[in-house]
Amino acid sequence: MRSTTTHRVALLSRRTVLCRLGAAGTLAVLWPARAWTTSEAVQQAIRQCIGAREPQPARPRPRTSWLPVVVAVGMVGAVVGLLMAGELDRYVVEDRRSGYTYLSEENQRLQDDDFANPGLLWVEQGRELWQRVNGVVGMSCASCHGDAAESMRGIRTRYPRFDPRRGKLINLEQQINRCRADRLQVAPYPYESEAMLALTTFVGVQSRGLPIDVRIDGPAQPFFEAGKTFFFRRRGQLDLACPHCHEQHAGQRLRGDVVSQGQINGFPAYRHTWQALGSTHRMFAWCNVAVRAEAYPYGADEYVNLELYMAWRGRGLVVETPAVRR
């Protein structure tokens, strides 16, 4: 049986061999047609010329394993998942979930970025109002309270609270107006005005990251019960109560939106629906109108009582003021 090299030579014409082999090929042509193909000398010359090599056993191709890639991707995904879960843990306390957890990733990033969060515009305005001298007494908020980062730390977490002077609850907006009337001797800010929202948000942002911790015992207890009753009362032409949406259907879709638990730990909050910042009472009024019920005025006792119940309902959730909501 001919070798592989001999077989390759037999397929070549003598003219081709002469052209490629030169002097060695010329010698080879002098050989008989059959003999030269088996001549060891000619075969050696041919091998030197065309680089023929003895056949080598085929090497097995290395098999590509995707296992390391899959494992690496899985590990990265697990780490990212743990980081995201750890980040979201601060927005969940037992069965209570902040509205932040129902947001899209884009809106979560918008709230987290102080350079992008539109609510920070009101914070900066509130910072200016904190320092502004008012009235004939020539004083500002800072005249009594100094650095808000220290004096207002934790204030947002404790309102509404029972006020002995009024004999009922008082919320943060009402406390600010009391200070304006008693200390600065100037007119109160209208509820939901830009100035009121700005100063309330500025005070609230000093407590950002602290858990809501309101008192519902003692003299505050009957007002808490009144707020709870309001929460569970059916109202409006749709004959719905707050829990019908925010407890029974939380996490489900209402048309193109996701229903949240209705927690208020982020207010005042910037809502895309409003294209502006709004207070808790504006949110209450908006829900009343949504079920075809007549809304109460901002600052009404009914809403302040409800605000206390809602704050307790979201107890332990951190202050997010100013939050971003849909």
C-alpha atoms as a PDB file:
ATOM      1  CA  MET A   1       0.000   0.000   0.000  1.00  0.00           C
ATOM      2  CA  ARG A   2       1.360   3.376  -0.957  1.00  0.00           C
ATOM      3  CA  SER A   3       2.135   5.912   1.736  1.00  0.00           C
ATOM      4  CA  THR A   4       0.246   9.202   1.883  1.00  0.00           C
ATOM      5  CA  THR A   5       3.237  11.087   0.433  1.00  0.00           C
ATOM      6  CA  THR A   6       3.595   8.600  -2.465  1.00  0.00           C
ATOM      7  CA  HIS A   7      -0.087   8.886  -3.204  1.00  0.00           C
ATOM      8  CA  ARG A   8       0.199  12.685  -3.385  1.00  0.00           C
ATOM      9  CA  VAL A   9       3.181  12.420  -5.777  1.00  0.00           C
ATOM     10  CA  ALA A  10       1.336   9.996  -8.052  1.00  0.00           C
ATOM     11  CA  LEU A  11      -1.344  12.626  -8.571  1.00  0.00           C
ATOM     12  CA  LEU A  12       1.167  15.166  -9.907  1.00  0.00           C
ATOM     13  CA  SER A  13       2.346  15.308 -13.536  1.00  0.00           C
ATOM     14  CA  ARG A  14       6.055  15.102 -14.280  1.00  0.00           C
ATOM     15  CA  ARG A  15       5.981  18.654 -15.552  1.00  0.00           C
ATOM     16  CA  THR A  16       4.577  19.840 -12.242  1.00  0.00           C
ATOM     17  CA  VAL A  17       7.230  17.895 -10.364  1.00  0.00           C
ATOM     18  CA  LEU A  18       9.997  19.380 -12.496  1.00  0.00           C
ATOM     19  CA  CYS A  19       8.666  22.888 -11.921  1.00  0.00           C
ATOM     20  CA  ARG A  20       8.439  22.499  -8.179  1.00  0.00           C
ATOM     21  CA  LEU A  21      11.492  20.348  -7.535  1.00  0.00           C
ATOM     22  CA  GLY A  22      14.156  21.931  -9.663  1.00  0.00           C
ATOM     23  CA  ALA A  23      17.368  19.873  -9.833  1.00  0.00           C
ATOM     24  CA  ALA A  24      16.007  17.087  -7.733  1.00  0.00           C
ATOM     25  CA  GLY A  25      12.987  16.894  -9.994  1.00  0.00           C
ATOM     26  CA  THR A  26      15.125  16.703 -13.119  1.00  0.00           C
ATOM     27  CA  LEU A  27      16.828  13.631 -11.719  1.00  0.00           C
ATOM     28  CA  ALA A  28      13.467  12.182 -10.891  1.00  0.00           C
ATOM     29  CA  VAL A  29      12.159  12.542 -14.458  1.00  0.00           C
ATOM     30  CA  LEU A  30      14.920  10.244 -15.710  1.00  0.00           C
ATOM     31  CA  TRP A  31      13.307   7.493 -13.734  1.00  0.00           C
ATOM     32  CA  PRO A  32      10.655   5.287 -15.287  1.00  0.00           C
ATOM     33  CA  ALA A  33       7.139   6.516 -14.689  1.00  0.00           C
ATOM     34  CA  ARG A  34       6.326   3.805 -12.197  1.00  0.00           C
ATOM     35  CA  ALA A  35       9.690   3.530 -10.555  1.00  0.00           C
ATOM     36  CA  TRP A  36      10.251   7.187  -9.643  1.00  0.00           C
ATOM     37  CA  THR A  37       7.151   7.365  -7.551  1.00  0.00           C
ATOM     38  CA  THR A  38       8.479   4.703  -5.261  1.00  0.00           C
ATOM     39  CA  SER A  39      12.106   5.851  -5.204  1.00  0.00           C
ATOM     40  CA  GLU A  40      13.133   6.794  -1.691  1.00  0.00           C
ATOM     41  CA  ALA A  41      15.519   9.460  -3.073  1.00  0.00           C
ATOM     42  CA  VAL A  42      12.822  11.092  -5.136  1.00  0.00           C
ATOM     43  CA  GLN A  43      10.316  10.876  -2.330  1.00  0.00           C
ATOM     44  CA  GLN A  44      12.786  12.506   0.056  1.00  0.00           C
ATOM     45  CA  ALA A  45      13.418  15.309  -2.457  1.00  0.00           C
ATOM     46  CA  ILE A  46       9.739  15.829  -2.923  1.00  0.00           C
ATOM     47  CA  ARG A  47       9.162  15.932   0.825  1.00  0.00           C
ATOM     48  CA  GLN A  48      11.848  18.565   1.239  1.00  0.00           C
ATOM     49  CA  CYS A  49      10.353  20.638  -1.572  1.00  0.00           C
ATOM     50  CA  ILE A  50       6.681  20.575  -0.728  1.00  0.00           C
ATOM     51  CA  GLY A  51       7.104  20.181   3.005  1.00  0.00           C
ATOM     52  CA  ALA A  52       5.304  16.896   3.086  1.00  0.00           C
ATOM     53  CA  ARG A  53       5.039  15.469   6.562  1.00  0.00           C
ATOM     54  CA  GLU A  54       4.233  12.088   7.875  1.00  0.00           C
ATOM     55  CA  PRO A  55       0.567  11.916   8.770  1.00  0.00           C
ATOM     56  CA  GLN A  56      -0.058  12.883  12.376  1.00  0.00           C
ATOM     57  CA  PRO A  57      -2.777  11.391  14.465  1.00  0.00           C
ATOM     58  CA  ALA A  58      -5.721  13.745  14.750  1.00  0.00           C
ATOM     59  CA  ARG A  59      -5.762  15.615  18.012  1.00  0.00           C
ATOM     60  CA  PRO A  60      -9.113  15.789  19.750  1.00  0.00           C
ATOM     61  CA  ARG A  61     -10.523  19.335  19.754  1.00  0.00           C
ATOM     62  CA  PRO A  62     -10.895  20.683  23.234  1.00  0.00           C
ATOM     63  CA  ARG A  63     -14.511  20.755  24.300  1.00  0.00           C
ATOM     64  CA  THR A  64     -15.786  24.188  25.255  1.00  0.00           C
ATOM     65  CA  SER A  65     -17.399  24.132  28.684  1.00  0.00           C
ATOM     66  CA  TRP A  66     -19.986  26.808  29.491  1.00  0.00           C
ATOM     67  CA  LEU A  67     -20.179  25.766  33.116  1.00  0.00           C
ATOM     68  CA  PRO A  68     -17.663  28.355  34.414  1.00  0.00           C
ATOM     69  CA  VAL A  69     -19.499  31.113  32.524  1.00  0.00           C
ATOM     70  CA  VAL A  70     -22.872  30.019  33.856  1.00  0.00           C
ATOM     71  CA  VAL A  71     -21.534  29.809  37.391  1.00  0.00           C
ATOM     72  CA  ALA A  72     -19.933  33.268  37.120  1.00  0.00           C
ATOM     73  CA  VAL A  73     -23.098  34.852  35.768  1.00  0.00           C
ATOM     74  CA  GLY A  74     -25.123  33.157  38.469  1.00  0.00           C
ATOM     75  CA  MET A  75     -22.805  34.410  41.195  1.00  0.00           C
ATOM     76  CA  VAL A  76     -22.978  37.973  39.856  1.00  0.00           C
ATOM     77  CA  GLY A  77     -26.759  37.780  39.703  1.00  0.00           C
ATOM     78  CA  ALA A  78     -26.933  36.448  43.229  1.00  0.00           C
ATOM     79  CA  VAL A  79     -24.692  39.225  44.557  1.00  0.00           C
ATOM     80  CA  VAL A  80     -26.727  41.886  42.751  1.00  0.00           C
ATOM     81  CA  GLY A  81     -29.926  40.335  44.061  1.00  0.00           C
ATOM     82  CA  LEU A  82     -28.624  40.339  47.617  1.00  0.00           C
ATOM     83  CA  LEU A  83     -27.526  43.944  47.330  1.00  0.00           C
ATOM     84  CA  MET A  84     -30.902  44.986  45.951  1.00  0.00           C
ATOM     85  CA  ALA A  85     -32.711  42.983  48.617  1.00  0.00           C
ATOM     86  CA  GLY A  86     -30.570  44.581  51.306  1.00  0.00           C
ATOM     87  CA  GLU A  87     -31.299  48.015  49.873  1.00  0.00           C
ATOM     88  CA  LEU A  88     -35.045  47.369  49.793  1.00  0.00           C
ATOM     89  CA  ASP A  89     -35.069  45.960  53.329  1.00  0.00           C
ATOM     90  CA  ARG A  90     -35.055  49.486  54.722  1.00  0.00           C
ATOM     91  CA  TYR A  91     -38.355  50.136  52.922  1.00  0.00           C
ATOM     92  CA  VAL A  92     -40.119  47.077  54.363  1.00  0.00           C
ATOM     93  CA  VAL A  93     -41.038  46.491  58.009  1.00  0.00           C
ATOM     94  CA  GLU A  94     -42.869  43.234  58.680  1.00  0.00           C
ATOM     95  CA  ASP A  95     -45.941  43.387  56.396  1.00  0.00           C
ATOM     96  CA  ARG A  96     -45.650  47.146  55.830  1.00  0.00           C
ATOM     97  CA  ARG A  97     -44.189  48.303  52.533  1.00  0.00           C
ATOM     98  CA  SER A  98     -43.271  51.807  51.503  1.00  0.00           C
ATOM     99  CA  GLY A  99     -44.610  53.106  48.221  1.00  0.00           C
ATOM    100  CA  TYR A 100     -40.954  53.096  47.112  1.00  0.00           C
ATOM    101  CA  THR A 101     -41.106  49.315  46.667  1.00  0.00           C
ATOM    102  CA  TYR A 102     -43.914  49.659  44.114  1.00  0.00           C
ATOM    103  CA  LEU A 103     -42.020  52.156  41.943  1.00  0.00           C
ATOM    104  CA  SER A 104     -40.238  51.377  38.698  1.00  0.00           C
ATOM    105  CA  GLU A 105     -36.438  51.303  38.830  1.00  0.00           C
ATOM    106  CA  GLU A 106     -36.365  54.638  36.993  1.00  0.00           C
ATOM    107  CA  ASN A 107     -38.514  56.330  39.641  1.00  0.00           C
ATOM    108  CA  GLN A 108     -36.519  54.736  42.445  1.00  0.00           C
ATOM    109  CA  ARG A 109     -33.327  56.171  40.968  1.00  0.00           C
ATOM    110  CA  LEU A 110     -35.062  59.529  40.572  1.00  0.00           C
ATOM    111  CA  GLN A 111     -35.937  59.608  44.270  1.00  0.00           C
ATOM    112  CA  ASP A 112     -32.486  58.442  45.360  1.00  0.00           C
ATOM    113  CA  ASP A 113     -30.581  61.060  43.371  1.00  0.00           C
ATOM    114  CA  ASP A 114     -30.642  64.415  45.178  1.00  0.00           C
ATOM    115  CA  PHE A 115     -29.493  66.113  41.982  1.00  0.00           C
ATOM    116  CA  ALA A 116     -32.448  64.698  40.016  1.00  0.00           C
ATOM    117  CA  ASN A 117     -35.220  64.415  42.626  1.00  0.00           C
ATOM    118  CA  PRO A 118     -37.564  67.337  41.802  1.00  0.00           C
ATOM    119  CA  GLY A 119     -38.639  67.561  45.459  1.00  0.00           C
ATOM    120  CA  LEU A 120     -35.237  68.952  46.353  1.00  0.00           C
ATOM    121  CA  LEU A 121     -36.246  72.237  44.698  1.00  0.00           C
ATOM    122  CA  TRP A 122     -38.714  72.736  47.534  1.00  0.00           C
ATOM    123  CA  VAL A 123     -36.066  71.724  50.071  1.00  0.00           C
ATOM    124  CA  GLU A 124     -33.774  74.495  48.837  1.00  0.00           C
ATOM    125  CA  GLN A 125     -36.618  76.997  48.964  1.00  0.00           C
ATOM    126  CA  GLY A 126     -37.378  75.859  52.509  1.00  0.00           C
ATOM    127  CA  ARG A 127     -33.740  76.325  53.472  1.00  0.00           C
ATOM    128  CA  GLU A 128     -34.000  79.956  52.400  1.00  0.00           C
ATOM    129  CA  LEU A 129     -37.259  80.446  54.322  1.00  0.00           C
ATOM    130  CA  TRP A 130     -35.650  78.931  57.420  1.00  0.00           C
ATOM    131  CA  GLN A 131     -33.128  81.766  57.447  1.00  0.00           C
ATOM    132  CA  ARG A 132     -35.453  84.557  56.303  1.00  0.00           C
ATOM    133  CA  VAL A 133     -36.154  87.290  58.863  1.00  0.00           C
ATOM    134  CA  ASN A 134     -39.883  87.930  59.261  1.00  0.00           C
ATOM    135  CA  GLY A 135     -42.140  90.543  60.772  1.00  0.00           C
ATOM    136  CA  VAL A 136     -41.582  93.341  63.246  1.00  0.00           C
ATOM    137  CA  VAL A 137     -39.709  91.107  65.662  1.00  0.00           C
ATOM    138  CA  GLY A 138     -36.921  90.640  63.125  1.00  0.00           C
ATOM    139  CA  MET A 139     -36.528  86.911  63.724  1.00  0.00           C
ATOM    140  CA  SER A 140     -36.366  83.772  61.606  1.00  0.00           C
ATOM    141  CA  CYS A 141     -36.883  80.080  62.275  1.00  0.00           C
ATOM    142  CA  ALA A 142     -33.144  79.769  62.743  1.00  0.00           C
ATOM    143  CA  SER A 143     -33.238  82.470  65.442  1.00  0.00           C
ATOM    144  CA  CYS A 144     -34.943  80.002  67.794  1.00  0.00           C
ATOM    145  CA  HIS A 145     -34.008  76.593  66.393  1.00  0.00           C
ATOM    146  CA  GLY A 146     -30.507  77.208  65.025  1.00  0.00           C
ATOM    147  CA  ASP A 147     -29.159  74.545  62.681  1.00  0.00           C
ATOM    148  CA  ALA A 148     -32.119  72.550  61.360  1.00  0.00           C
ATOM    149  CA  ALA A 149     -29.933  69.498  60.778  1.00  0.00           C
ATOM    150  CA  GLU A 150     -29.660  69.177  64.561  1.00  0.00           C
ATOM    151  CA  SER A 151     -32.777  70.803  66.014  1.00  0.00           C
ATOM    152  CA  MET A 152     -35.232  69.288  63.515  1.00  0.00           C
ATOM    153  CA  ARG A 153     -33.723  65.812  63.442  1.00  0.00           C
ATOM    154  CA  GLY A 154     -36.529  63.360  64.280  1.00  0.00           C
ATOM    155  CA  ILE A 155     -39.329  65.948  64.323  1.00  0.00           C
ATOM    156  CA  ARG A 156     -41.017  64.564  61.195  1.00  0.00           C
ATOM    157  CA  THR A 157     -41.267  61.094  62.771  1.00  0.00           C
ATOM    158  CA  ARG A 158     -43.445  62.245  65.709  1.00  0.00           C
ATOM    159  CA  TYR A 159     -46.265  64.133  63.964  1.00  0.00           C
ATOM    160  CA  PRO A 160     -49.221  64.330  64.237  1.00  0.00           C
ATOM    161  CA  ARG A 161     -49.179  64.546  68.036  1.00  0.00           C
ATOM    162  CA  PHE A 162     -51.637  65.580  70.731  1.00  0.00           C
ATOM    163  CA  ASP A 163     -51.545  69.298  71.505  1.00  0.00           C
ATOM    164  CA  PRO A 164     -52.738  70.208  75.029  1.00  0.00           C
ATOM    165  CA  ARG A 165     -53.403  73.806  74.029  1.00  0.00           C
ATOM    166  CA  ARG A 166     -55.793  72.811  71.287  1.00  0.00           C
ATOM    167  CA  GLY A 167     -57.119  69.737  73.043  1.00  0.00           C
ATOM    168  CA  LYS A 168     -56.711  67.742  69.841  1.00  0.00           C
ATOM    169  CA  LEU A 169     -54.099  66.655  67.327  1.00  0.00           C
ATOM    170  CA  ILE A 170     -51.722  68.976  65.559  1.00  0.00           C
ATOM    171  CA  ASN A 171     -49.687  68.065  62.482  1.00  0.00           C
ATOM    172  CA  LEU A 172     -46.393  69.487  61.244  1.00  0.00           C
ATOM    173  CA  GLU A 173     -47.949  72.095  58.964  1.00  0.00           C
ATOM    174  CA  GLN A 174     -50.083  73.400  61.816  1.00  0.00           C
ATOM    175  CA  GLN A 175     -47.087  73.497  64.159  1.00  0.00           C
ATOM    176  CA  ILE A 176     -45.144  75.598  61.658  1.00  0.00           C
ATOM    177  CA  ASN A 177     -47.994  78.078  61.422  1.00  0.00           C
ATOM    178  CA  ARG A 178     -48.249  78.240  65.212  1.00  0.00           C
ATOM    179  CA  CYS A 179     -44.572  79.186  65.408  1.00  0.00           C
ATOM    180  CA  ARG A 180     -45.103  81.855  62.785  1.00  0.00           C
ATOM    181  CA  ALA A 181     -48.018  83.356  64.688  1.00  0.00           C
ATOM    182  CA  ASP A 182     -46.612  83.062  68.233  1.00  0.00           C
ATOM    183  CA  ARG A 183     -42.890  83.670  67.696  1.00  0.00           C
ATOM    184  CA  LEU A 184     -42.522  85.620  64.490  1.00  0.00           C
ATOM    185  CA  GLN A 185     -45.862  87.425  64.714  1.00  0.00           C
ATOM    186  CA  VAL A 186     -46.595  87.005  61.032  1.00  0.00           C
ATOM    187  CA  ALA A 187     -49.507  85.578  59.105  1.00  0.00           C
ATOM    188  CA  PRO A 188     -49.688  81.796  58.727  1.00  0.00           C
ATOM    189  CA  TYR A 189     -48.875  80.160  55.429  1.00  0.00           C
ATOM    190  CA  PRO A 190     -51.948  78.948  53.501  1.00  0.00           C
ATOM    191  CA  TYR A 191     -52.193  75.171  53.538  1.00  0.00           C
ATOM    192  CA  GLU A 192     -50.645  73.662  50.383  1.00  0.00           C
ATOM    193  CA  SER A 193     -48.983  76.967  49.426  1.00  0.00           C
ATOM    194  CA  GLU A 194     -45.483  76.824  47.932  1.00  0.00           C
ATOM    195  CA  ALA A 195     -44.002  78.351  51.071  1.00  0.00           C
ATOM    196  CA  MET A 196     -45.772  75.905  53.404  1.00  0.00           C
ATOM    197  CA  LEU A 197     -44.742  72.921  51.278  1.00  0.00           C
ATOM    198  CA  ALA A 198     -41.161  74.177  51.080  1.00  0.00           C
ATOM    199  CA  LEU A 199     -40.734  74.715  54.815  1.00  0.00           C
ATOM    200  CA  THR A 200     -42.503  71.469  55.733  1.00  0.00           C
ATOM    201  CA  THR A 201     -40.317  69.541  53.291  1.00  0.00           C
ATOM    202  CA  PHE A 202     -37.161  71.221  54.569  1.00  0.00           C
ATOM    203  CA  VAL A 203     -38.035  70.247  58.149  1.00  0.00           C
ATOM    204  CA  GLY A 204     -39.027  66.752  57.039  1.00  0.00           C
ATOM    205  CA  VAL A 205     -35.840  66.043  55.115  1.00  0.00           C
ATOM    206  CA  GLN A 206     -33.835  66.438  58.325  1.00  0.00           C
ATOM    207  CA  SER A 207     -35.434  63.176  59.529  1.00  0.00           C
ATOM    208  CA  ARG A 208     -34.832  61.263  56.325  1.00  0.00           C
ATOM    209  CA  GLY A 209     -33.891  57.663  57.118  1.00  0.00           C
ATOM    210  CA  LEU A 210     -35.432  57.676  60.605  1.00  0.00           C
ATOM    211  CA  PRO A 211     -38.428  55.426  61.379  1.00  0.00           C
ATOM    212  CA  ILE A 212     -41.937  56.792  61.867  1.00  0.00           C
ATOM    213  CA  ASP A 213     -42.760  56.658  65.584  1.00  0.00           C
ATOM    214  CA  VAL A 214     -46.022  58.384  66.575  1.00  0.00           C
ATOM    215  CA  ARG A 215     -47.844  58.182  69.899  1.00  0.00           C
ATOM    216  CA  ILE A 216     -51.363  56.761  69.824  1.00  0.00           C
ATOM    217  CA  ASP A 217     -51.914  56.226  73.544  1.00  0.00           C
ATOM    218  CA  GLY A 218     -53.015  58.613  76.296  1.00  0.00           C
ATOM    219  CA  PRO A 219     -54.849  61.716  75.107  1.00  0.00           C
ATOM    220  CA  ALA A 220     -54.104  60.867  71.460  1.00  0.00           C
ATOM    221  CA  GLN A 221     -56.022  57.585  71.651  1.00  0.00           C
ATOM    222  CA  PRO A 222     -59.562  58.830  70.816  1.00  0.00           C
ATOM    223  CA  PHE A 223     -58.255  60.774  67.819  1.00  0.00           C
ATOM    224  CA  PHE A 224     -56.398  57.703  66.658  1.00  0.00           C
ATOM    225  CA  GLU A 225     -59.625  55.697  66.864  1.00  0.00           C
ATOM    226  CA  ALA A 226     -61.460  58.407  64.906  1.00  0.00           C
ATOM    227  CA  GLY A 227     -58.809  58.211  62.174  1.00  0.00           C
ATOM    228  CA  LYS A 228     -59.071  54.425  62.088  1.00  0.00           C
ATOM    229  CA  THR A 229     -62.847  54.632  61.727  1.00  0.00           C
ATOM    230  CA  PHE A 230     -62.419  57.091  58.865  1.00  0.00           C
ATOM    231  CA  PHE A 231     -59.996  54.693  57.153  1.00  0.00           C
ATOM    232  CA  PHE A 232     -62.476  51.789  57.171  1.00  0.00           C
ATOM    233  CA  ARG A 233     -65.613  53.806  56.366  1.00  0.00           C
ATOM    234  CA  ARG A 234     -67.165  53.386  52.941  1.00  0.00           C
ATOM    235  CA  ARG A 235     -67.747  56.629  51.086  1.00  0.00           C
ATOM    236  CA  GLY A 236     -68.582  58.178  47.756  1.00  0.00           C
ATOM    237  CA  GLN A 237     -70.622  56.980  44.827  1.00  0.00           C
ATOM    238  CA  LEU A 238     -68.289  54.011  44.448  1.00  0.00           C
ATOM    239  CA  ASP A 239     -69.021  52.985  48.057  1.00  0.00           C
ATOM    240  CA  LEU A 240     -65.386  52.136  48.749  1.00  0.00           C
ATOM    241  CA  ALA A 241     -63.187  52.430  51.834  1.00  0.00           C
ATOM    242  CA  CYS A 242     -59.420  52.907  51.956  1.00  0.00           C
ATOM    243  CA  PRO A 243     -58.584  49.199  52.583  1.00  0.00           C
ATOM    244  CA  HIS A 244     -60.496  48.097  49.485  1.00  0.00           C
ATOM    245  CA  CYS A 245     -57.587  49.430  47.409  1.00  0.00           C
ATOM    246  CA  HIS A 246     -54.633  49.715  49.761  1.00  0.00           C
ATOM    247  CA  GLU A 247     -54.979  46.436  51.647  1.00  0.00           C
ATOM    248  CA  GLN A 248     -57.079  44.002  49.622  1.00  0.00           C
ATOM    249  CA  HIS A 249     -55.523  44.889  46.262  1.00  0.00           C
ATOM    250  CA  ALA A 250     -52.079  46.251  47.145  1.00  0.00           C
ATOM    251  CA  GLY A 251     -49.552  45.167  44.525  1.00  0.00           C
ATOM    252  CA  GLN A 252     -52.189  44.618  41.846  1.00  0.00           C
ATOM    253  CA  ARG A 253     -52.824  46.823  38.851  1.00  0.00           C
ATOM    254  CA  LEU A 254     -55.509  49.434  38.554  1.00  0.00           C
ATOM    255  CA  ARG A 255     -55.506  50.141  34.824  1.00  0.00           C
ATOM    256  CA  GLY A 256     -51.880  51.038  34.075  1.00  0.00           C
ATOM    257  CA  ASP A 257     -50.877  51.733  37.672  1.00  0.00           C
ATOM    258  CA  VAL A 258     -49.779  49.518  40.564  1.00  0.00           C
ATOM    259  CA  VAL A 259     -51.777  49.949  43.771  1.00  0.00           C
ATOM    260  CA  SER A 260     -49.564  50.547  46.793  1.00  0.00           C
ATOM    261  CA  GLN A 261     -50.342  50.203  50.485  1.00  0.00           C
ATOM    262  CA  GLY A 262     -50.922  53.949  50.642  1.00  0.00           C
ATOM    263  CA  GLN A 263     -48.192  54.632  53.194  1.00  0.00           C
ATOM    264  CA  ILE A 264     -47.472  58.312  53.941  1.00  0.00           C
ATOM    265  CA  ASN A 265     -43.858  58.139  55.148  1.00  0.00           C
ATOM    266  CA  GLY A 266     -42.634  59.927  51.997  1.00  0.00           C
ATOM    267  CA  PHE A 267     -44.834  63.025  52.186  1.00  0.00           C
ATOM    268  CA  PRO A 268     -44.632  65.796  51.213  1.00  0.00           C
ATOM    269  CA  ALA A 269     -43.965  63.970  47.963  1.00  0.00           C
ATOM    270  CA  TYR A 270     -43.531  64.823  44.314  1.00  0.00           C
ATOM    271  CA  ARG A 271     -46.195  63.091  42.215  1.00  0.00           C
ATOM    272  CA  HIS A 272     -45.921  62.773  38.462  1.00  0.00           C
ATOM    273  CA  THR A 273     -49.718  62.997  38.321  1.00  0.00           C
ATOM    274  CA  TRP A 274     -49.559  66.463  39.858  1.00  0.00           C
ATOM    275  CA  GLN A 275     -46.254  67.558  38.322  1.00  0.00           C
ATOM    276  CA  ALA A 276     -45.678  69.189  41.698  1.00  0.00           C
ATOM    277  CA  LEU A 277     -45.051  68.531  45.368  1.00  0.00           C
ATOM    278  CA  GLY A 278     -48.090  67.780  47.540  1.00  0.00           C
ATOM    279  CA  SER A 279     -48.922  67.189  51.189  1.00  0.00           C
ATOM    280  CA  THR A 280     -50.518  64.174  52.838  1.00  0.00           C
ATOM    281  CA  HIS A 281     -53.856  65.983  52.963  1.00  0.00           C
ATOM    282  CA  ARG A 282     -53.752  66.632  49.238  1.00  0.00           C
ATOM    283  CA  MET A 283     -53.315  62.894  48.779  1.00  0.00           C
ATOM    284  CA  PHE A 284     -56.283  62.198  51.075  1.00  0.00           C
ATOM    285  CA  ALA A 285     -58.444  64.654  49.132  1.00  0.00           C
ATOM    286  CA  TRP A 286     -57.343  63.122  45.817  1.00  0.00           C
ATOM    287  CA  CYS A 287     -58.405  59.651  47.023  1.00  0.00           C
ATOM    288  CA  ASN A 288     -61.747  61.013  48.215  1.00  0.00           C
ATOM    289  CA  VAL A 289     -62.430  62.472  44.799  1.00  0.00           C
ATOM    290  CA  ALA A 290     -61.306  59.217  43.135  1.00  0.00           C
ATOM    291  CA  VAL A 291     -64.144  57.314  44.866  1.00  0.00           C
ATOM    292  CA  ARG A 292     -66.577  60.126  43.980  1.00  0.00           C
ATOM    293  CA  ALA A 293     -66.734  61.490  47.526  1.00  0.00           C
ATOM    294  CA  GLU A 294     -66.622  65.087  48.668  1.00  0.00           C
ATOM    295  CA  ALA A 295     -63.175  66.008  49.958  1.00  0.00           C
ATOM    296  CA  TYR A 296     -62.571  67.733  53.291  1.00  0.00           C
ATOM    297  CA  PRO A 297     -60.595  71.000  53.439  1.00  0.00           C
ATOM    298  CA  TYR A 298     -56.854  70.714  53.926  1.00  0.00           C
ATOM    299  CA  GLY A 299     -56.070  70.755  57.641  1.00  0.00           C
ATOM    300  CA  ALA A 300     -59.521  69.470  58.642  1.00  0.00           C
ATOM    301  CA  ASP A 301     -59.657  67.489  61.884  1.00  0.00           C
ATOM    302  CA  GLU A 302     -60.869  64.434  59.968  1.00  0.00           C
ATOM    303  CA  TYR A 303     -57.722  64.438  57.868  1.00  0.00           C
ATOM    304  CA  VAL A 304     -55.413  65.096  60.827  1.00  0.00           C
ATOM    305  CA  ASN A 305     -56.966  62.140  62.674  1.00  0.00           C
ATOM    306  CA  LEU A 306     -56.571  59.986  59.574  1.00  0.00           C
ATOM    307  CA  GLU A 307     -52.972  61.164  59.270  1.00  0.00           C
ATOM    308  CA  LEU A 308     -52.221  59.853  62.768  1.00  0.00           C
ATOM    309  CA  TYR A 309     -53.748  56.470  61.993  1.00  0.00           C
ATOM    310  CA  MET A 310     -51.878  56.276  58.687  1.00  0.00           C
ATOM    311  CA  ALA A 311     -48.588  57.193  60.383  1.00  0.00           C
ATOM    312  CA  TRP A 312     -49.136  54.410  62.905  1.00  0.00           C
ATOM    313  CA  ARG A 313     -50.136  52.048  60.123  1.00  0.00           C
ATOM    314  CA  GLY A 314     -46.711  52.684  58.545  1.00  0.00           C
ATOM    315  CA  ARG A 315     -44.814  52.637  61.864  1.00  0.00           C
ATOM    316  CA  GLY A 316     -41.177  51.735  61.481  1.00  0.00           C
ATOM    317  CA  LEU A 317     -40.987  52.762  57.828  1.00  0.00           C
ATOM    318  CA  VAL A 318     -38.311  55.375  57.296  1.00  0.00           C
ATOM    319  CA  VAL A 319     -38.970  58.993  56.400  1.00  0.00           C
ATOM    320  CA  GLU A 320     -38.354  59.482  52.657  1.00  0.00           C
ATOM    321  CA  THR A 321     -39.298  63.159  52.397  1.00  0.00           C
ATOM    322  CA  PRO A 322     -39.371  64.276  49.644  1.00  0.00           C
ATOM    323  CA  ALA A 323     -40.422  61.015  48.033  1.00  0.00           C
ATOM    324  CA  VAL A 324     -41.223  60.524  44.356  1.00  0.00           C
ATOM    325  CA  ARG A 325     -44.519  58.860  43.534  1.00  0.00           C
ATOM    326  CA  ARG A 326     -46.465  58.222  40.331  1.00  0.00           C
END
